[in-house]
C-alpha atoms as a PDB file:
ATOM      1  CA  GLY A   1     126.752 125.756 100.879  1.00  0.00           C
ATOM      2  CA  GLY A   2     126.101 124.539  97.390  1.00  0.00           C
ATOM      3  CA  CYS A   3     123.536 122.126  96.066  1.00  0.00           C
ATOM      4  CA  PRO A   4     124.670 118.514  96.633  1.00  0.00           C
ATOM      5  CA  THR A   5     124.963 116.322  93.558  1.00  0.00           C
ATOM      6  CA  ALA A   6     125.153 112.544  93.383  1.00  0.00           C
ATOM      7  CA  LEU A   7     125.755 110.489  90.253  1.00  0.00           C
ATOM      8  CA  MET A   8     123.995 107.137  90.356  1.00  0.00           C
ATOM      9  CA  PRO A   9     123.370 104.774  87.436  1.00  0.00           C
ATOM     10  CA  ARG A  10     121.470 101.490  87.748  1.00  0.00           C
ATOM     11  CA  GLY A  11     122.483  98.115  86.385  1.00  0.00           C
ATOM     12  CA  ARG A  12     120.385  95.023  85.784  1.00  0.00           C
ATOM     13  CA  GLU A  13     120.875  91.269  85.922  1.00  0.00           C
ATOM     14  CA  PRO A  14     122.156  90.435  82.391  1.00  0.00           C
ATOM     15  CA  LEU A  15     119.445  88.030  81.234  1.00  0.00           C
ATOM     16  CA  ALA A  16     116.698  90.277  82.607  1.00  0.00           C
ATOM     17  CA  TYR A  17     118.190  93.197  80.679  1.00  0.00           C
ATOM     18  CA  TYR A  18     118.285  91.288  77.393  1.00  0.00           C
ATOM     19  CA  LEU A  19     114.734  90.004  77.868  1.00  0.00           C
ATOM     20  CA  SER A  20     113.370  93.458  78.653  1.00  0.00           C
ATOM     21  CA  PHE A  21     115.132  95.112  75.722  1.00  0.00           C
ATOM     22  CA  TYR A  22     113.886  92.405  73.372  1.00  0.00           C
ATOM     23  CA  LYS A  23     110.312  92.548  74.662  1.00  0.00           C
ATOM     24  CA  TRP A  24     109.932  96.308  74.397  1.00  0.00           C
ATOM     25  CA  GLY A  25     112.106  97.151  71.420  1.00  0.00           C
ATOM     26  CA  VAL A  26     112.639  94.143  69.181  1.00  0.00           C
ATOM     27  CA  ALA A  27     110.008  91.383  69.456  1.00  0.00           C
ATOM     28  CA  PHE A  28     107.254  93.270  67.660  1.00  0.00           C
ATOM     29  CA  ARG A  29     109.648  94.217  64.849  1.00  0.00           C
ATOM     30  CA  ILE A  30     110.515  90.562  64.252  1.00  0.00           C
ATOM     31  CA  GLN A  31     106.842  89.651  64.506  1.00  0.00           C
ATOM     32  CA  GLU A  32     105.899  92.224  61.874  1.00  0.00           C
ATOM     33  CA  ALA A  33     108.738  91.201  59.537  1.00  0.00           C
ATOM     34  CA  LEU A  34     107.818  87.516  59.699  1.00  0.00           C
ATOM     35  CA  THR A  35     104.152  88.357  59.114  1.00  0.00           C
ATOM     36  CA  LYS A  36     105.184  90.218  55.963  1.00  0.00           C
ATOM     37  CA  GLY A  37     106.931  87.090  54.736  1.00  0.00           C
ATOM     38  CA  GLU A  38     110.550  88.029  55.411  1.00  0.00           C
ATOM     39  CA  VAL A  39     112.563  84.814  55.656  1.00  0.00           C
ATOM     40  CA  GLN A  40     115.407  86.278  57.683  1.00  0.00           C
ATOM     41  CA  PRO A  41     114.586  89.599  59.402  1.00  0.00           C
ATOM     42  CA  GLN A  42     117.569  91.834  60.133  1.00  0.00           C
ATOM     43  CA  TRP A  43     117.036  91.247  63.859  1.00  0.00           C
ATOM     44  CA  GLY A  44     117.081  87.486  63.423  1.00  0.00           C
ATOM     45  CA  ARG A  45     114.019  85.284  63.792  1.00  0.00           C
ATOM     46  CA  ASN A  46     113.911  84.988  67.562  1.00  0.00           C
ATOM     47  CA  PHE A  47     115.514  86.068  70.827  1.00  0.00           C
ATOM     48  CA  SER A  48     118.553  83.819  70.517  1.00  0.00           C
ATOM     49  CA  GLU A  49     119.437  84.986  67.012  1.00  0.00           C
ATOM     50  CA  TRP A  50     119.034  88.631  67.985  1.00  0.00           C
ATOM     51  CA  ALA A  51     121.086  88.265  71.184  1.00  0.00           C
ATOM     52  CA  ARG A  52     124.028  86.860  69.225  1.00  0.00           C
ATOM     53  CA  GLN A  53     123.977  89.965  67.032  1.00  0.00           C
ATOM     54  CA  VAL A  54     124.157  92.390  69.985  1.00  0.00           C
ATOM     55  CA  PRO A  55     126.898  91.128  72.338  1.00  0.00           C
ATOM     56  CA  ASN A  56     127.613  92.890  75.627  1.00  0.00           C
ATOM     57  CA  LEU A  57     124.464  94.931  75.125  1.00  0.00           C
ATOM     58  CA  GLN A  58     124.011  96.500  78.556  1.00  0.00           C
ATOM     59  CA  SER A  59     127.648  97.402  79.141  1.00  0.00           C
ATOM     60  CA  SER A  60     127.949  98.838  75.626  1.00  0.00           C
ATOM     61  CA  ILE A  61     124.900 101.047  76.205  1.00  0.00           C
ATOM     62  CA  MET A  62     126.287 102.064  79.593  1.00  0.00           C
ATOM     63  CA  VAL A  63     129.404 103.459  77.937  1.00  0.00           C
ATOM     64  CA  ARG A  64     127.775 104.757  74.746  1.00  0.00           C
ATOM     65  CA  GLY A  65     124.027 105.239  75.025  1.00  0.00           C
ATOM     66  CA  MET A  66     123.415 105.503  71.279  1.00  0.00           C
ATOM     67  CA  THR A  67     124.379 101.838  70.960  1.00  0.00           C
ATOM     68  CA  ALA A  68     120.747 101.165  71.852  1.00  0.00           C
ATOM     69  CA  MET A  69     119.624 102.636  68.529  1.00  0.00           C
ATOM     70  CA  GLY A  70     121.365  99.999  66.456  1.00  0.00           C
ATOM     71  CA  ALA A  71     120.333  97.148  68.740  1.00  0.00           C
ATOM     72  CA  GLU A  72     116.666  98.133  68.512  1.00  0.00           C
ATOM     73  CA  TYR A  73     116.197  99.513  65.026  1.00  0.00           C
ATOM     74  CA  SER A  74     118.605  97.373  63.000  1.00  0.00           C
ATOM     75  CA  GLY A  75     119.398  94.455  65.302  1.00  0.00           C
ATOM     76  CA  ARG A  76     123.109  95.215  65.218  1.00  0.00           C
ATOM     77  CA  ILE A  77     125.794  96.886  67.286  1.00  0.00           C
ATOM     78  CA  HIS A  78     128.376  98.955  65.445  1.00  0.00           C
ATOM     79  CA  ALA A  79     131.354  96.867  64.355  1.00  0.00           C
ATOM     80  CA  SER A  80     133.719  98.647  66.742  1.00  0.00           C
ATOM     81  CA  ARG A  81     131.569  97.526  69.690  1.00  0.00           C
ATOM     82  CA  ARG A  82     130.711  93.995  68.570  1.00  0.00           C
ATOM     83  CA  THR A  83     133.701  91.971  69.741  1.00  0.00           C
ATOM     84  CA  ILE A  84     132.437  89.395  72.210  1.00  0.00           C
ATOM     85  CA  GLY A  85     135.872  88.581  73.650  1.00  0.00           C
ATOM     86  CA  PRO A  86     136.709  88.030  77.322  1.00  0.00           C
ATOM     87  CA  ALA A  87     135.304  90.082  80.156  1.00  0.00           C
ATOM     88  CA  GLY A  88     138.684  91.735  80.608  1.00  0.00           C
ATOM     89  CA  GLY A  89     140.586  93.901  78.188  1.00  0.00           C
ATOM     90  CA  ARG A  90     140.102  97.461  77.015  1.00  0.00           C
ATOM     91  CA  GLY A  91     136.303  97.266  76.888  1.00  0.00           C
ATOM     92  CA  TRP A  92     136.089  96.188  80.515  1.00  0.00           C
ATOM     93  CA  GLU A  93     138.675  98.733  81.639  1.00  0.00           C
ATOM     94  CA  GLU A  94     136.676 101.555  80.045  1.00  0.00           C
ATOM     95  CA  LEU A  95     133.448 100.392  81.659  1.00  0.00           C
ATOM     96  CA  ASP A  96     134.962  99.714  85.080  1.00  0.00           C
ATOM     97  CA  ASN A  97     136.771 103.041  85.093  1.00  0.00           C
ATOM     98  CA  MET A  98     133.521 104.861  84.347  1.00  0.00           C
ATOM     99  CA  LEU A  99     131.357 103.017  86.889  1.00  0.00           C
ATOM    100  CA  SER A 100     133.941 103.320  89.645  1.00  0.00           C
ATOM    101  CA  LYS A 101     133.583 107.116  89.528  1.00  0.00           C
ATOM    102  CA  PHE A 102     129.870 107.124  90.421  1.00  0.00           C
ATOM    103  CA  ASP A 103     128.772 107.736  93.999  1.00  0.00           C
ATOM    104  CA  VAL A 104     126.650 104.582  93.967  1.00  0.00           C
ATOM    105  CA  VAL A 105     125.829 102.035  91.270  1.00  0.00           C
ATOM    106  CA  GLY A 106     122.327 100.863  92.082  1.00  0.00           C
ATOM    107  CA  THR A 107     120.213  98.163  90.454  1.00  0.00           C
ATOM    108  CA  THR A 108     116.860  98.037  88.714  1.00  0.00           C
ATOM    109  CA  GLN A 109     115.736  95.211  90.961  1.00  0.00           C
ATOM    110  CA  ARG A 110     116.446  97.418  93.995  1.00  0.00           C
ATOM    111  CA  PHE A 111     114.926 100.611  92.642  1.00  0.00           C
ATOM    112  CA  ASP A 112     113.426 101.729  95.962  1.00  0.00           C
ATOM    113  CA  GLU A 113     116.632 101.120  97.878  1.00  0.00           C
ATOM    114  CA  THR A 114     118.586 103.025  95.220  1.00  0.00           C
ATOM    115  CA  LEU A 115     116.168 105.946  95.448  1.00  0.00           C
ATOM    116  CA  LEU A 116     116.411 106.114  99.227  1.00  0.00           C
ATOM    117  CA  LEU A 117     120.205 106.190  99.076  1.00  0.00           C
ATOM    118  CA  ALA A 118     119.990 109.032  96.561  1.00  0.00           C
ATOM    119  CA  ALA A 119     117.637 110.898  98.885  1.00  0.00           C
ATOM    120  CA  ASP A 120     120.076 110.463 101.757  1.00  0.00           C
ATOM    121  CA  MET A 121     122.907 111.929  99.699  1.00  0.00           C
ATOM    122  CA  VAL A 122     121.163 114.942  98.207  1.00  0.00           C
ATOM    123  CA  GLY A 123     117.957 115.438 100.205  1.00  0.00           C
ATOM    124  CA  LEU A 124     115.312 114.698  97.571  1.00  0.00           C
ATOM    125  CA  PRO A 125     112.064 116.303  98.835  1.00  0.00           C
ATOM    126  CA  VAL A 126     109.512 114.107  97.059  1.00  0.00           C
ATOM    127  CA  LEU A 127     110.086 110.397  96.501  1.00  0.00           C
ATOM    128  CA  ALA A 128     106.637 108.859  96.036  1.00  0.00           C
ATOM    129  CA  TYR A 129     106.482 107.937  92.358  1.00  0.00           C
ATOM    130  CA  LYS A 130     103.812 106.526  90.071  1.00  0.00           C
ATOM    131  CA  TYR A 131     103.981 102.892  89.032  1.00  0.00           C
ATOM    132  CA  ASN A 132     104.648 102.586  85.314  1.00  0.00           C
ATOM    133  CA  ARG A 133     103.603  99.131  84.175  1.00  0.00           C
ATOM    134  CA  PRO A 134     102.890  99.100  80.444  1.00  0.00           C
ATOM    135  CA  LYS A 135     101.316  95.931  79.089  1.00  0.00           C
ATOM    136  CA  ALA A 136     102.646  95.817  75.542  1.00  0.00           C
ATOM    137  CA  LYS A 137     104.468  97.712  72.815  1.00  0.00           C
ATOM    138  CA  GLY A 138     103.968  97.539  69.081  1.00  0.00           C
ATOM    139  CA  GLY A 139     101.517  94.670  69.277  1.00  0.00           C
ATOM    140  CA  PHE A 140     103.752  92.117  71.041  1.00  0.00           C
ATOM    141  CA  ARG A 141     101.965  90.780  74.112  1.00  0.00           C
ATOM    142  CA  GLY A 142     104.084  87.787  74.948  1.00  0.00           C
ATOM    143  CA  GLY A 143     105.827  87.178  78.230  1.00  0.00           C
ATOM    144  CA  LYS A 144     109.206  85.790  79.222  1.00  0.00           C
ATOM    145  CA  ALA A 145     108.113  82.207  78.578  1.00  0.00           C
ATOM    146  CA  ASP A 146     107.099  83.106  75.027  1.00  0.00           C
ATOM    147  CA  ILE A 147     110.459  84.759  74.404  1.00  0.00           C
ATOM    148  CA  CYS A 148     112.523  82.071  76.124  1.00  0.00           C
ATOM    149  CA  PRO A 149     110.802  78.675  76.500  1.00  0.00           C
ATOM    150  CA  ASP A 150     114.071  77.316  77.935  1.00  0.00           C
ATOM    151  CA  MET A 151     115.166  80.009  80.363  1.00  0.00           C
ATOM    152  CA  GLU A 152     118.346  78.244  81.429  1.00  0.00           C
ATOM    153  CA  ALA A 153     119.435  77.937  77.803  1.00  0.00           C
ATOM    154  CA  CYS A 154     118.847  81.674  77.379  1.00  0.00           C
ATOM    155  CA  ARG A 155     120.818  82.359  80.544  1.00  0.00           C
ATOM    156  CA  ALA A 156     123.723  80.338  79.183  1.00  0.00           C
ATOM    157  CA  LEU A 157     123.481  82.185  75.862  1.00  0.00           C
ATOM    158  CA  VAL A 158     123.669  85.596  77.526  1.00  0.00           C
ATOM    159  CA  LYS A 159     126.622  84.442  79.602  1.00  0.00           C
ATOM    160  CA  GLU A 160     128.338  83.428  76.344  1.00  0.00           C
ATOM    161  CA  VAL A 161     127.616  86.551  74.284  1.00  0.00           C
ATOM    162  CA  ALA A 162     127.785  89.131  77.100  1.00  0.00           C
ATOM    163  CA  PRO A 163     130.713  88.289  79.412  1.00  0.00           C
ATOM    164  CA  ARG A 164     131.321  91.989  80.046  1.00  0.00           C
ATOM    165  CA  ASP A 165     127.701  92.434  81.158  1.00  0.00           C
ATOM    166  CA  VAL A 166     128.106  89.439  83.452  1.00  0.00           C
ATOM    167  CA  ALA A 167     131.351  90.810  84.903  1.00  0.00           C
ATOM    168  CA  MET A 168     129.677  94.183  85.488  1.00  0.00           C
ATOM    169  CA  TRP A 169     126.817  92.514  87.349  1.00  0.00           C
ATOM    170  CA  GLU A 170     129.151  90.349  89.409  1.00  0.00           C
ATOM    171  CA  LYS A 171     131.096  93.392  90.587  1.00  0.00           C
ATOM    172  CA  TYR A 172     128.512  96.160  90.803  1.00  0.00           C
ATOM    173  CA  GLY A 173     125.172  94.373  91.110  1.00  0.00           C
ATOM    174  CA  LYS A 174     126.344  92.021  93.801  1.00  0.00           C
ATOM    175  CA  GLY A 175     128.398  94.826  95.301  1.00  0.00           C
ATOM    176  CA  PHE A 176     125.216  96.849  95.758  1.00  0.00           C
ATOM    177  CA  GLU A 177     123.551  93.882  97.462  1.00  0.00           C
ATOM    178  CA  ALA A 178     126.509  93.662  99.834  1.00  0.00           C
ATOM    179  CA  LYS A 179     126.208  97.387 100.582  1.00  0.00           C
ATOM    180  CA  LEU A 180     122.545  96.979 101.485  1.00  0.00           C
ATOM    181  CA  GLN A 181     123.434  94.164 103.866  1.00  0.00           C
ATOM    182  CA  THR A 182     125.745  96.503 105.783  1.00  0.00           C
ATOM    183  CA  LEU A 183     122.875  98.972 106.300  1.00  0.00           C
ATOM    184  CA  GLY A 184     121.043  96.411 108.385  1.00  0.00           C
ATOM    185  CA  PRO A 185     117.446  96.045 109.678  1.00  0.00           C
ATOM    186  CA  ALA A 186     116.903  99.789 110.171  1.00  0.00           C
ATOM    187  CA  PHE A 187     117.300 100.438 106.455  1.00  0.00           C
ATOM    188  CA  GLU A 188     115.083  97.449 105.627  1.00  0.00           C
ATOM    189  CA  ARG A 189     112.333  99.042 107.736  1.00  0.00           C
ATOM    190  CA  ARG A 190     112.794 102.349 105.908  1.00  0.00           C
ATOM    191  CA  VAL A 191     112.408 100.547 102.586  1.00  0.00           C
ATOM    192  CA  ALA A 192     109.226  98.801 103.755  1.00  0.00           C
ATOM    193  CA  ASP A 193     107.749 102.091 105.027  1.00  0.00           C
ATOM    194  CA  PHE A 194     108.652 103.864 101.786  1.00  0.00           C
ATOM    195  CA  GLN A 195     107.091 101.143  99.657  1.00  0.00           C
ATOM    196  CA  ALA A 196     103.899 101.412 101.706  1.00  0.00           C
ATOM    197  CA  GLU A 197     103.912 105.180 101.147  1.00  0.00           C
ATOM    198  CA  VAL A 198     104.301 104.690  97.387  1.00  0.00           C
ATOM    199  CA  ARG A 199     101.335 102.303  97.361  1.00  0.00           C
ATOM    200  CA  ARG A 200      99.215 104.851  99.241  1.00  0.00           C
ATOM    201  CA  THR A 201      99.959 107.590  96.687  1.00  0.00           C
ATOM    202  CA  GLN A 202      98.853 105.604  93.635  1.00  0.00           C
ATOM    203  CA  PRO A 203      95.189 106.753  93.741  1.00  0.00           C
ATOM    204  CA  ALA A 204      96.374 110.385  93.664  1.00  0.00           C
ATOM    205  CA  TRP A 205      98.586 109.695  90.677  1.00  0.00           C
ATOM    206  CA  LYS A 206      95.748 107.972  88.824  1.00  0.00           C
ATOM    207  CA  ALA A 207      93.533 111.006  89.391  1.00  0.00           C
ATOM    208  CA  ALA A 208      96.054 113.372  87.808  1.00  0.00           C
ATOM    209  CA  PRO A 209      95.077 114.732  84.348  1.00  0.00           C
ATOM    210  CA  ARG A 210      98.088 113.031  82.826  1.00  0.00           C
ATOM    211  CA  ALA A 211      99.480 110.193  84.852  1.00  0.00           C
ATOM    212  CA  GLN A 212     103.209 110.810  84.491  1.00  0.00           C
ATOM    213  CA  THR A 213     103.223 114.405  85.723  1.00  0.00           C
ATOM    214  CA  ILE A 214     103.624 115.758  89.208  1.00  0.00           C
ATOM    215  CA  CYS A 215     103.759 119.534  88.682  1.00  0.00           C
ATOM    216  CA  ARG A 216     102.188 120.509  85.408  1.00  0.00           C
ATOM    217  CA  TYR A 217     101.236 124.065  84.602  1.00  0.00           C
ATOM    218  CA  HIS A 218      98.669 124.734  81.875  1.00  0.00           C
ATOM    219  CA  PRO A 219      99.511 128.066  80.226  1.00  0.00           C
ATOM    220  CA  GLU A 220      96.270 128.126  78.240  1.00  0.00           C
ATOM    221  CA  THR A 221      94.275 128.300  81.494  1.00  0.00           C
ATOM    222  CA  ASP A 222      96.408 131.051  83.004  1.00  0.00           C
ATOM    223  CA  PRO A 223      94.097 134.021  83.716  1.00  0.00           C
ATOM    224  CA  SER A 224      97.027 136.344  83.068  1.00  0.00           C
ATOM    225  CA  PRO A 225      98.601 136.217  79.584  1.00  0.00           C
ATOM    226  CA  ALA A 226     101.818 137.611  80.986  1.00  0.00           C
ATOM    227  CA  ARG A 227     104.322 135.191  82.467  1.00  0.00           C
ATOM    228  CA  THR A 228     103.838 136.088  86.078  1.00  0.00           C
ATOM    229  CA  PRO A 229     106.454 134.892  88.586  1.00  0.00           C
ATOM    230  CA  VAL A 230     103.784 133.404  90.854  1.00  0.00           C
ATOM    231  CA  LEU A 231     101.757 130.442  89.646  1.00  0.00           C
ATOM    232  CA  ALA A 232      98.003 130.298  89.948  1.00  0.00           C
ATOM    233  CA  GLY A 233      97.371 127.437  92.345  1.00  0.00           C
ATOM    234  CA  SER A 234      94.150 126.430  90.628  1.00  0.00           C
ATOM    235  CA  ASN A 235      96.111 125.713  87.444  1.00  0.00           C
ATOM    236  CA  LEU A 236      98.489 123.269  89.104  1.00  0.00           C
ATOM    237  CA  ARG A 237      98.011 119.531  89.361  1.00  0.00           C
ATOM    238  CA  CYS A 238     100.195 118.368  92.242  1.00  0.00           C
ATOM    239  CA  PRO A 239      99.097 115.093  93.844  1.00  0.00           C
ATOM    240  CA  VAL A 240     101.367 115.574  96.857  1.00  0.00           C
ATOM    241  CA  GLU A 241     100.589 117.108 100.213  1.00  0.00           C
ATOM    242  CA  GLU A 242     101.558 120.782 100.423  1.00  0.00           C
ATOM    243  CA  GLY A 243     102.876 120.562  96.878  1.00  0.00           C
ATOM    244  CA  LEU A 244     102.273 124.177  95.798  1.00  0.00           C
ATOM    245  CA  GLU A 245     105.582 125.450  97.141  1.00  0.00           C
ATOM    246  CA  LEU A 246     107.462 122.612  95.438  1.00  0.00           C
ATOM    247  CA  CYS A 247     105.770 123.322  92.119  1.00  0.00           C
ATOM    248  CA  GLN A 248     106.524 127.023  92.493  1.00  0.00           C
ATOM    249  CA  GLN A 249     110.194 126.259  92.979  1.00  0.00           C
ATOM    250  CA  TYR A 250     110.261 124.268  89.762  1.00  0.00           C
ATOM    251  CA  TYR A 251     108.138 126.719  87.799  1.00  0.00           C
ATOM    252  CA  ALA A 252     108.457 126.727  84.024  1.00  0.00           C
ATOM    253  CA  HIS A 253     105.957 128.267  81.633  1.00  0.00           C
ATOM    254  CA  ARG A 254     105.731 125.173  79.457  1.00  0.00           C
ATOM    255  CA  LEU A 255     104.719 121.714  80.613  1.00  0.00           C
ATOM    256  CA  PHE A 256     107.113 119.958  82.931  1.00  0.00           C
ATOM    257  CA  GLU A 257     106.712 116.655  81.163  1.00  0.00           C
ATOM    258  CA  CYS A 258     108.040 118.120  77.882  1.00  0.00           C
ATOM    259  CA  PRO A 259     111.046 120.323  78.720  1.00  0.00           C
ATOM    260  CA  TRP A 260     112.350 120.045  75.162  1.00  0.00           C
ATOM    261  CA  GLN A 261     109.337 121.762  73.619  1.00  0.00           C
ATOM    262  CA  TYR A 262     109.842 125.229  72.144  1.00  0.00           C
ATOM    263  CA  VAL A 263     106.093 125.878  72.038  1.00  0.00           C
ATOM    264  CA  PRO A 264     103.974 124.550  74.933  1.00  0.00           C
ATOM    265  CA  ASN A 265     101.458 121.857  74.107  1.00  0.00           C
ATOM    266  CA  SER A 266      98.952 120.411  76.510  1.00  0.00           C
ATOM    267  CA  SER A 267      96.791 117.336  76.786  1.00  0.00           C
ATOM    268  CA  LEU A 268      93.997 119.671  77.916  1.00  0.00           C
ATOM    269  CA  THR A 269      93.542 120.826  74.320  1.00  0.00           C
ATOM    270  CA  ASP A 270      95.697 118.431  72.299  1.00  0.00           C
ATOM    271  CA  PRO A 271      95.222 114.638  72.622  1.00  0.00           C
ATOM    272  CA  LEU A 272      98.848 114.069  71.681  1.00  0.00           C
ATOM    273  CA  GLY A 273     100.054 116.473  74.344  1.00  0.00           C
ATOM    274  CA  CYS A 274     103.796 116.884  74.407  1.00  0.00           C
ATOM    275  CA  TRP A 275     104.279 113.958  72.054  1.00  0.00           C
ATOM    276  CA  ARG A 276     103.271 116.221  69.162  1.00  0.00           C
ATOM    277  CA  PRO A 277     106.462 117.648  67.595  1.00  0.00           C
ATOM    278  CA  SER A 278     107.240 121.245  68.409  1.00  0.00           C
ATOM    279  CA  SER A 279     106.175 123.796  65.839  1.00  0.00           C
ATOM    280  CA  GLY A 280     109.368 125.827  66.104  1.00  0.00           C
ATOM    281  CA  PHE A 281     111.155 128.473  68.125  1.00  0.00           C
ATOM    282  CA  LEU A 282     109.318 131.199  69.975  1.00  0.00           C
END
């Protein structure tokens, strides 16, 4: 028996995707540019102008993730990806062919249901996650109404500039809803129980030294300088019941939240923690 693997992306309702991307990655850039006196920022002057410059945003990022860089940092999508066009054609075929190969295409709106289906397929041992609800980024603190005073006009705009995103949602987003309907009341009860469990775990997450970690090992507090195969339980921060064995299974000498680091950093001694760039190879 091998280790089961399931591939599962998540899609989002098209307008909600555009609004979220704009709020977290673009709005503050436009705000700063206008404050500096720029007449026509490269992102446009508002949501509508920016959205017209980044057609089919979600589906383009689905196929080529680096598309997000241009949409956020320059307010453009590369010329080869910019054709608005119909929902069909080569762009749709490429997207549909890719998504059809996944085990399940879940949705952001149904995150908990998607997670439970993943657990059923591969046997995930720990599901209770920490809520991540940031308030603002880069100084922009507006909400949806500030971004789109006329939400129906924005919905119509997204439908115009992102027909491939709309087609993707119609097939895969609504298809996921239909799949959930077939699972019936028993699955609905599982979802409700799971959501209650997640709510109960939030105090434990908030008490963790760094909120986004579950199994973090602090090498600078290790009583043994050598990399011993067994972790010191007192050095682990695992806000889950009987979590020591799980942490042991996923042991790594450097912090779990920063697997790309060559040299371990820690928020115990460094306020920037793993966000400080690595100082080089060991």
